[in-house]
Protein backbone atom coordinates (compact mmCIF):
# COMPACT_ATOMS: atom_id res chain seq x y z
CA MET A 1 -36.92 -51.70 53.05
CA ARG A 2 -40.20 -51.97 52.50
CA ILE A 3 -40.46 -48.89 50.19
CA LEU A 4 -37.02 -50.35 48.47
CA TYR A 5 -39.12 -53.64 47.38
CA ARG A 6 -42.23 -51.68 46.12
CA PHE A 7 -40.22 -49.79 44.07
CA PHE A 8 -38.52 -52.48 42.03
CA PHE A 9 -41.63 -54.45 42.03
CA LEU A 10 -43.58 -51.94 40.41
CA LEU A 11 -40.53 -51.74 37.85
CA ALA A 12 -40.61 -54.88 37.32
CA ILE A 13 -44.68 -55.20 36.32
CA SER A 14 -44.13 -52.14 34.20
CA SER A 15 -41.70 -53.58 31.96
CA LEU A 16 -43.12 -56.83 31.58
CA THR A 17 -46.32 -54.96 29.95
CA VAL A 18 -43.73 -52.93 27.57
CA LEU A 19 -42.72 -55.89 26.27
CA SER A 20 -46.00 -57.44 25.78
CA GLY A 21 -47.42 -54.73 23.40
CA CYS A 22 -46.47 -56.36 20.29
CA ARG A 23 -46.04 -60.21 19.89
CA GLU A 24 -43.37 -61.68 17.31
CA ASP A 25 -46.69 -63.54 15.30
CA GLU A 26 -48.31 -60.01 15.17
CA ASP A 27 -48.15 -58.17 11.77
CA LEU A 28 -47.49 -55.10 11.35
CA ASN A 29 -49.96 -52.39 10.15
CA LEU A 30 -48.69 -49.96 7.58
CA LEU A 31 -51.89 -48.80 5.79
CA THR A 32 -52.00 -45.84 8.18
CA TYR A 33 -48.30 -44.38 6.60
CA PRO A 34 -48.75 -41.90 4.12
CA ASP A 35 -47.79 -41.33 0.38
CA ASN A 36 -43.73 -40.49 1.19
CA ASN A 37 -42.63 -36.97 -1.01
CA PHE A 38 -39.31 -35.06 -1.43
CA THR A 39 -37.50 -31.98 -1.21
CA LEU A 40 -34.49 -31.20 -2.66
CA ALA A 41 -31.61 -28.93 -1.28
CA ALA A 42 -28.34 -27.07 -2.72
CA ASP A 43 -26.02 -25.52 -0.23
CA ASP A 44 -28.31 -25.27 2.31
CA GLU A 45 -31.51 -23.77 0.51
CA ASP A 46 -34.48 -25.73 -0.76
CA GLY A 47 -34.25 -25.66 -4.60
CA SER A 48 -33.61 -28.20 -7.59
CA GLU A 49 -31.18 -25.31 -9.63
CA ILE A 50 -28.28 -23.68 -8.47
CA THR A 51 -25.62 -21.65 -9.79
CA VAL A 52 -22.15 -21.89 -9.05
CA ASN A 53 -19.31 -19.29 -9.47
CA ALA A 54 -15.96 -20.75 -10.65
CA THR A 55 -12.25 -18.11 -10.21
CA TYR A 56 -9.13 -18.95 -10.65
CA ASN A 57 -7.25 -18.75 -7.21
CA ASN A 58 -3.26 -17.21 -7.39
CA ASP A 59 -1.65 -20.63 -8.50
CA GLY A 60 -3.99 -20.67 -11.41
CA ILE A 61 -6.18 -23.29 -10.15
CA LEU A 62 -9.94 -22.94 -11.07
CA GLU A 63 -12.04 -22.91 -7.42
CA PHE A 64 -15.76 -22.82 -6.84
CA ASP A 65 -17.44 -21.32 -4.27
CA LYS A 66 -19.56 -24.25 -3.03
CA PRO A 67 -19.79 -27.44 -3.86
CA VAL A 68 -22.67 -28.60 -6.75
CA THR A 69 -24.05 -31.41 -4.08
CA PHE A 70 -27.87 -32.17 -3.89
CA THR A 71 -29.87 -33.31 -0.75
CA PHE A 72 -33.18 -35.69 -1.66
CA ARG A 73 -34.84 -35.16 1.64
CA PHE A 74 -37.62 -37.83 1.88
CA ASN A 75 -39.88 -38.46 4.77
CA ALA A 76 -38.75 -41.38 7.47
CA SER A 77 -39.97 -45.08 6.01
CA PRO A 78 -40.43 -47.63 7.72
CA GLU A 79 -38.55 -49.86 4.98
CA GLU A 80 -35.17 -49.22 3.23
CA THR A 81 -35.32 -46.97 0.29
CA ILE A 82 -33.39 -47.20 -2.76
CA VAL A 83 -32.17 -44.18 -5.15
CA THR A 84 -30.90 -44.60 -8.70
CA PHE A 85 -28.60 -41.35 -9.93
CA GLU A 86 -28.09 -40.51 -13.63
CA PRO A 87 -26.30 -38.04 -15.31
CA MET A 88 -27.93 -35.00 -17.24
CA GLY A 89 -24.95 -34.32 -20.23
CA GLU A 90 -22.12 -36.34 -21.40
CA ASN A 91 -19.90 -34.35 -19.11
CA VAL A 92 -21.69 -34.66 -16.10
CA GLU A 93 -19.62 -37.11 -13.05
CA LEU A 94 -21.14 -38.46 -10.33
CA SER A 95 -20.17 -39.06 -6.82
CA ASP A 96 -22.79 -41.88 -7.04
CA THR A 97 -24.75 -43.77 -8.76
CA LYS A 98 -26.82 -46.05 -6.50
CA LEU A 99 -27.42 -45.49 -2.55
CA ILE A 100 -29.54 -47.11 -0.02
CA ILE A 101 -31.07 -44.45 2.65
CA PRO A 102 -32.01 -47.54 5.46
CA ALA A 103 -35.28 -47.10 6.92
CA GLY A 104 -36.11 -44.60 9.51
CA TYR A 105 -33.78 -42.37 7.69
CA THR A 106 -34.35 -39.61 5.60
CA ASP A 107 -31.50 -37.88 3.66
CA VAL A 108 -29.34 -38.97 0.91
CA SER A 109 -26.79 -36.45 -1.19
CA VAL A 110 -24.92 -37.01 -4.66
CA THR A 111 -22.17 -34.48 -5.42
CA LEU A 112 -21.97 -33.52 -9.52
CA GLY A 113 -18.65 -32.86 -10.81
CA ILE A 114 -17.05 -31.58 -14.17
CA LYS A 115 -15.61 -35.05 -16.05
CA ASN A 116 -13.22 -33.17 -18.30
CA MET A 117 -12.13 -30.95 -15.86
CA GLU A 118 -8.93 -30.81 -17.10
CA ALA A 119 -10.32 -28.88 -20.20
CA PHE A 120 -12.76 -26.68 -18.97
CA GLN A 121 -9.88 -24.97 -16.28
CA SER A 122 -7.79 -25.16 -19.49
CA ASN A 123 -9.92 -23.44 -21.53
CA TYR A 124 -8.95 -19.59 -20.27
CA ASP A 125 -11.81 -17.58 -21.51
CA GLU A 126 -14.76 -17.09 -19.57
CA ALA A 127 -16.97 -20.48 -19.88
CA THR A 128 -20.36 -22.02 -18.26
CA CYS A 129 -21.50 -25.61 -18.43
CA ASN A 130 -24.80 -27.23 -17.30
CA LEU A 131 -24.64 -30.16 -14.82
CA GLY A 132 -27.59 -31.86 -13.88
CA VAL A 133 -28.82 -35.00 -12.34
CA GLN A 134 -31.58 -37.47 -12.59
CA ALA A 135 -33.25 -39.67 -9.53
CA THR A 136 -35.25 -42.77 -9.77
CA VAL A 137 -36.79 -43.79 -6.09
CA GLN A 138 -37.80 -47.18 -5.25
CA GLY A 139 -39.31 -48.18 -1.73
CA TYR A 140 -42.30 -47.96 0.28
CA LYS A 141 -45.27 -45.24 -1.08
CA MET A 142 -42.03 -43.99 -2.72
CA PRO A 143 -43.37 -41.18 -5.68
CA SER A 144 -43.08 -42.57 -9.17
CA THR A 145 -41.72 -39.49 -11.04
CA THR A 146 -38.02 -38.81 -12.05
CA LEU A 147 -36.65 -36.17 -9.63
CA GLU A 148 -34.05 -33.78 -11.33
CA ALA A 149 -31.57 -31.00 -10.13
CA LYS A 150 -29.35 -28.73 -12.18
CA ALA A 151 -26.21 -26.50 -11.68
CA LEU A 152 -24.88 -24.17 -13.74
CA ILE A 153 -21.10 -23.41 -13.71
CA LYS A 154 -20.33 -20.01 -13.96
CA LYS A 155 -16.31 -19.86 -14.95
CA ALA A 156 -14.88 -16.50 -15.27
CA ALA A 157 -11.79 -16.01 -17.52
CA TYR A 158 -8.61 -16.73 -16.48
CA VAL A 159 -6.20 -13.33 -16.52
CA ALA A 160 -2.43 -12.88 -15.34
CA THR A 161 -2.44 -9.21 -14.30
CA GLY A 162 1.37 -7.98 -14.06
CA PHE A 163 2.41 -5.03 -11.92
CA LEU A 164 5.63 -3.86 -9.74
CA GLU A 165 5.81 -4.17 -6.37
CA GLY A 166 8.37 -1.81 -3.60
CA LYS A 167 10.16 -3.67 -1.24
CA ALA A 168 8.89 -3.00 2.13
CA ASP A 169 11.93 -1.59 3.39
CA SER A 170 12.52 0.40 0.36
CA LYS A 171 13.12 4.01 0.90
CA THR A 172 11.23 6.15 -1.78
CA THR A 173 12.70 10.01 -0.52
CA PHE A 174 16.67 10.37 -0.28
CA GLU A 175 18.27 13.67 1.49
CA HIS A 176 21.34 15.21 0.85
CA ILE A 177 23.32 17.78 2.09
CA TYR A 178 25.88 20.34 -0.15
CA PHE A 179 28.22 22.77 0.35
CA ASN A 180 31.54 23.99 -0.82
CA GLY A 181 32.00 21.47 -3.32
CA GLU A 182 31.38 18.34 -1.22
CA PHE A 183 28.37 16.15 -0.07
CA LYS A 184 28.63 16.82 3.88
CA LYS A 185 25.76 14.14 4.51
CA THR A 186 24.52 11.84 1.91
CA GLU A 187 22.88 8.74 0.80
CA ARG A 188 22.64 5.73 -2.00
CA ASN A 189 19.79 6.50 -4.02
CA LEU A 190 18.51 2.98 -4.56
CA TYR A 191 15.23 1.61 -4.37
CA THR A 192 14.31 -1.97 -3.96
CA PHE A 193 11.18 -3.80 -5.94
CA SER A 194 10.19 -6.92 -7.83
CA VAL A 195 8.09 -7.44 -10.77
CA GLN A 196 4.78 -9.56 -10.48
CA LEU A 197 2.22 -11.08 -11.74
CA ASP A 198 -0.82 -12.45 -9.93
CA ARG A 199 -1.61 -15.67 -11.55
CA PRO A 200 1.27 -17.38 -13.73
CA ALA A 201 1.61 -16.74 -17.38
CA ARG A 202 2.12 -19.57 -20.32
CA LYS A 203 4.56 -17.44 -21.92
CA ASP A 204 7.53 -14.95 -20.66
CA VAL A 205 6.84 -11.78 -19.14
CA LYS A 206 9.40 -9.04 -20.20
CA VAL A 207 10.06 -5.85 -18.37
CA LYS A 208 11.31 -2.41 -19.80
CA LEU A 209 11.94 0.57 -17.37
CA THR A 210 11.92 4.28 -18.36
CA THR A 211 12.47 7.43 -16.14
CA GLU A 212 10.33 10.85 -16.56
CA GLY A 213 11.88 14.02 -15.05
CA LEU A 214 15.72 13.61 -15.83
CA ASP A 215 17.61 15.37 -18.40
CA ASP A 216 18.78 12.83 -21.08
CA GLU A 217 21.99 13.53 -20.03
CA TYR A 218 21.54 11.74 -16.67
CA LEU A 219 20.44 9.11 -18.19
CA LYS A 220 23.11 7.32 -18.10
CA ASP A 221 23.79 7.51 -14.27
CA ILE A 222 21.03 5.06 -13.64
CA THR A 223 21.82 1.47 -13.22
CA ILE A 224 19.49 -1.14 -13.25
CA THR A 225 20.17 -5.18 -12.00
CA PRO A 226 18.93 -7.09 -13.35
CA SER A 227 20.00 -5.22 -16.77
CA GLU A 228 17.03 -7.85 -18.48
CA ILE A 229 13.66 -8.29 -16.17
CA VAL A 230 12.10 -11.32 -16.75
CA ILE A 231 9.35 -13.27 -15.62
CA PRO A 232 9.52 -16.97 -16.94
CA ALA A 233 6.78 -18.65 -18.14
CA GLY A 234 4.54 -20.62 -15.22
CA GLU A 235 6.19 -17.89 -12.24
CA LYS A 236 4.89 -15.28 -10.87
CA THR A 237 7.86 -12.78 -9.58
CA THR A 238 11.47 -11.97 -10.88
CA GLY A 239 13.14 -11.46 -7.23
CA ASP A 240 14.77 -8.37 -6.02
CA ILE A 241 15.41 -5.63 -8.66
CA THR A 242 16.89 -2.30 -7.72
CA TRP A 243 17.40 1.21 -9.35
CA GLU A 244 20.10 3.32 -8.81
CA ILE A 245 21.34 6.68 -9.84
CA THR A 246 24.59 8.61 -9.06
CA ASN A 247 24.29 12.04 -7.34
CA ASP A 248 26.07 14.11 -10.26
CA PHE A 249 22.56 15.49 -11.50
CA LEU A 250 22.38 17.39 -8.33
CA LEU A 251 24.93 19.45 -9.41
CA ARG A 252 23.41 20.77 -12.34
CA THR A 253 22.62 23.37 -10.15
CA SER A 254 24.09 25.51 -7.40
CA ASP A 255 21.06 25.98 -5.51
CA ASP A 256 18.89 23.50 -3.18
CA SER A 257 17.13 21.06 -5.21
CA SER A 258 14.05 19.05 -5.22
CA ASN A 259 13.72 16.10 -7.98
CA THR A 260 10.93 14.17 -8.73
CA LEU A 261 11.42 11.09 -11.03
CA ASN A 262 8.65 8.60 -11.93
CA ILE A 263 10.18 5.53 -13.05
CA MET A 264 7.62 3.56 -15.13
CA ALA A 265 7.72 -0.07 -16.47
CA THR A 266 6.40 -1.19 -19.53
CA PHE A 267 5.18 -4.99 -19.96
CA GLU A 268 5.83 -7.48 -22.85
CA CYS A 269 4.40 -10.82 -23.06
CA GLU A 270 2.44 -13.04 -26.21
CA ASP A 271 -0.37 -14.81 -23.65
CA PRO A 272 -3.33 -13.17 -24.67
CA VAL A 273 -4.37 -13.63 -20.79
CA PHE A 274 -1.63 -11.48 -19.80
CA VAL A 275 -2.72 -7.70 -18.57
CA GLN A 276 -0.99 -5.00 -17.24
CA ASP A 277 -1.73 -2.94 -14.02
CA GLU A 278 -1.79 0.35 -15.35
CA LYS A 279 -2.09 2.19 -11.88
CA ARG A 280 0.64 -0.09 -10.13
CA SER A 281 3.06 0.04 -13.22
CA SER A 282 5.31 2.65 -11.67
CA PHE A 283 6.56 4.23 -8.29
CA THR A 284 7.52 7.76 -7.80
CA LEU A 285 11.18 9.01 -6.32
CA ASN A 286 11.72 12.07 -4.47
CA ILE A 287 15.37 12.76 -4.48
CA ASN A 288 16.78 16.29 -2.78
CA LYS A 289 19.43 18.39 -1.89
CA TYR A 290 19.96 21.04 0.29
CA ILE A 291 22.69 23.67 0.50
CA LYS A 292 23.75 23.92 4.33
CA GLY A 293 26.28 26.22 5.02
CA PHE A 294 25.23 27.05 8.57
CA GLU A 295 23.49 25.89 11.17
CA PHE A 296 21.22 27.18 14.42
CA VAL A 297 22.63 27.26 17.49
CA SER A 298 21.01 28.74 19.94
CA TYR A 299 18.34 31.71 20.93
CA LYS A 300 21.08 33.06 23.10
CA ARG A 301 24.09 34.13 22.26
CA PRO A 302 27.28 31.54 22.25
CA SER A 303 29.77 32.17 25.41
CA GLY A 304 32.68 32.45 23.60
CA TRP A 305 31.61 34.18 20.62
CA ILE A 306 33.56 37.20 19.59
CA GLU A 307 31.58 39.69 17.84
CA TRP A 308 33.41 41.89 14.58
CA SER A 309 33.43 45.23 15.31
CA LYS A 310 30.40 47.10 13.09
CA GLN A 311 32.41 50.59 12.60
CA ASP A 312 32.37 51.93 8.78
CA TRP A 313 30.30 49.18 8.04
CA SER A 314 27.15 49.42 5.99
CA VAL A 315 23.63 47.88 4.97
CA GLU A 316 21.48 48.25 1.68
CA VAL A 317 17.94 47.26 2.86
CA GLU A 318 15.67 46.09 -0.12
CA ASP A 319 12.40 47.65 0.17
CA ASN A 320 9.81 45.37 -0.61
CA GLY A 321 6.06 47.75 0.16
CA ASP A 322 5.62 45.54 3.11
CA PHE A 323 7.51 47.65 5.67
CA TRP A 324 5.19 49.10 8.21
CA GLN A 325 8.61 50.44 10.08
CA ASN A 326 11.82 51.61 8.21
CA ASP A 327 14.65 53.04 10.19
CA GLY A 328 17.33 52.44 7.42
CA GLY A 329 19.46 49.52 7.31
CA SER A 330 21.92 51.62 9.41
CA ALA A 331 19.70 51.08 12.82
CA LEU A 332 20.27 47.51 12.48
CA ILE A 333 24.29 47.63 12.77
CA ASP A 334 24.18 50.85 15.91
CA GLY A 335 25.17 48.56 18.40
CA THR A 336 21.82 48.69 20.55
CA THR A 337 18.45 47.75 20.43
CA ASN A 338 17.47 49.97 22.78
CA ASN A 339 16.43 52.84 20.98
CA TYR A 340 13.61 50.07 19.34
CA GLU A 341 14.78 51.53 16.15
CA GLY A 342 14.95 48.56 12.97
CA ILE A 343 12.79 47.18 10.05
CA ALA A 344 9.54 45.64 10.75
CA SER A 345 7.42 44.15 8.07
CA ASP A 346 3.88 42.61 6.92
CA GLY A 347 5.69 39.86 5.06
CA ASN A 348 9.90 39.20 4.03
CA ILE A 349 12.98 41.02 5.29
CA SER A 350 15.89 41.54 3.11
CA PHE A 351 19.20 42.90 2.63
CA THR A 352 23.21 42.85 2.49
CA LEU A 353 25.27 43.48 5.11
CA ASP A 354 28.67 45.17 3.85
CA MET A 355 31.24 44.59 5.97
CA GLY A 356 34.05 47.06 4.00
CA GLU A 357 36.47 44.46 3.46
CA GLU A 358 36.88 40.97 3.59
CA ARG A 359 36.61 39.08 6.99
CA THR A 360 36.58 35.66 8.43
CA ILE A 361 33.51 35.01 9.81
CA ASN A 362 32.26 31.93 11.96
CA GLY A 363 28.62 32.93 12.41
CA VAL A 364 25.70 35.63 12.66
CA GLY A 365 22.91 36.81 14.92
CA PHE A 366 19.74 38.53 14.53
CA ASP A 367 17.55 40.22 17.51
CA TYR A 368 14.05 40.61 17.07
CA ILE A 369 12.90 41.64 20.32
CA TYR A 370 9.50 40.75 20.84
CA TYR A 371 9.35 37.19 19.48
CA SER A 372 8.40 38.82 15.94
CA ALA A 373 11.09 35.78 14.30
CA PRO A 374 10.31 35.08 10.64
CA GLN A 375 10.23 31.28 9.89
CA ASN A 376 13.09 31.10 7.72
CA ILE A 377 16.49 32.60 7.60
CA GLN A 378 18.21 32.24 4.38
CA LEU A 379 22.37 33.61 3.63
CA SER A 380 24.58 33.96 0.61
CA VAL A 381 28.03 35.18 0.97
CA SER A 382 30.48 37.45 -1.34
CA SER A 383 33.88 39.06 -1.92
CA ASP A 384 33.10 41.18 -4.76
CA GLY A 385 29.12 41.80 -4.23
CA ASN A 386 28.55 40.45 -7.79
CA THR A 387 29.27 36.35 -7.21
CA TRP A 388 27.37 35.04 -4.26
CA ASN A 389 27.67 31.55 -2.52
CA TYR A 390 24.59 30.51 -1.45
CA LEU A 391 24.93 28.69 2.47
CA GLY A 392 21.01 27.63 2.53
CA LYS A 393 18.37 27.86 4.34
CA VAL A 394 17.29 27.26 8.34
CA ALA A 395 14.52 27.29 10.23
CA SER A 396 14.58 29.72 13.24
CA ALA A 397 13.55 28.73 17.13
CA ASP A 398 10.72 31.55 17.13
CA GLU A 399 12.27 33.53 19.98
CA ASN A 400 13.39 36.58 20.56
CA ALA A 401 16.59 35.89 18.56
CA ASP A 402 18.74 33.71 17.18
CA TYR A 403 21.97 32.64 16.68
CA TYR A 404 23.45 30.36 13.91
CA LYS A 405 27.08 29.22 13.18
CA PHE A 406 28.84 28.37 9.96
CA ILE A 407 29.51 24.85 9.06
CA GLU A 408 33.23 25.77 8.37
CA PRO A 409 34.92 29.58 8.31
CA ILE A 410 33.95 31.88 5.57
CA THR A 411 35.67 34.59 4.10
CA ALA A 412 34.15 37.34 2.46
CA ARG A 413 33.21 40.79 2.66
CA TYR A 414 29.70 40.99 1.71
CA VAL A 415 26.45 39.00 3.78
CA LYS A 416 22.60 38.74 2.17
CA CYS A 417 20.50 37.83 4.25
CA GLU A 418 16.93 37.02 3.77
CA LEU A 419 14.34 36.58 6.72
CA LEU A 420 11.51 34.37 4.88
CA ALA A 421 8.38 34.87 6.87
CA SER A 422 4.51 34.73 5.47
CA TRP A 423 2.94 36.70 8.32
CA GLY A 424 5.95 39.26 9.07
CA CYS A 425 8.56 39.58 11.32
CA GLU A 426 10.49 42.79 12.82
CA LEU A 427 14.37 43.13 13.07
CA TYR A 428 16.67 45.23 15.05
CA GLU A 429 19.72 44.63 15.05
CA VAL A 430 22.72 42.19 13.52
CA TYR A 431 25.51 40.52 15.02
CA VAL A 432 28.71 39.11 12.74
CA PHE A 433 31.11 36.77 15.03
CA LYS A 434 34.67 36.09 14.16
């Protein structure tokens, strides 16, 4: 209890001493306060001049990369300070004309703006604008000079750029399977896109589409919806547009066909601020047709497949100069692989099988023995040896044998087989199934 009493007593004495440090009738001596000075800060940096960049956003509204705000910073003063602001120039707008800094405080800020902002923004050309402010200060030991701060506004030109924008889920490659006069597997050659502007234009923007990579006679098979493409003045997009073509142009050849079509846009607009983005004014579509009259089944002979007898058949081999073993076409239909007679090549192997008369066949097989399979098998059939029906090209299984089934039964006398291999292949027996 004694300790606590002493603590309160000492505290009371100390407080009394502090409160009596300056009497009410005593004058505060300010002679020791130094002359005041100031610094100017803008964009968190010291300085009386700044540059502000102005650009148009995607809605056509002018935006500044930073505010035109100046902070006048003084030393703390024992008296309040009055700062009066005057614009420098006729097109300057100030946030304040007079501000008071209370005693003990140091900063005061003023923001400059463009008085005729609507006219500055609607002038779409590149432009500059000078803003400035003068400040006079009244207060204890304040500088008698006029303080100045300046800003240079650099405005970029307004540009409305037009371009094509594909829909996110819209395909650009289309595949069609064709055989025996009809499409076995097909899809619509349909592409969805829109025409867009990064900023609105003051006049309508019209767009015309042209297609390259297609014979003129098939241009009539193209449908564009809507038929007239326009972005109204003040808007930025057309909404979805579809480009579509029928499959008729794929039938101009009976073989596989790969078609690359380039669709290009031409923009028209009377607004001088409009420009066309040449790199984004077209799109490319790949439309492919594949003949597919047969398909891979297995590298082992399927159960239940019945082979035609090859008695009295013949094989004519096309020697391309890449053979390193050639035992003649008869080696391919001798009914055995145990004698290792056949054909081996550093490239492709092509031959025509003559079955002696027309037969209805459902599949073929190839025996390579030592996994010397080609990369692809290409087949054609004929009844007279002159007119050929192309059945397509199918990848091999890269095993020691391949068995292929026809999409539907085929009646023919001749079967032309092409084993396509960039690194070479070997063949020792051919099979034809009922």
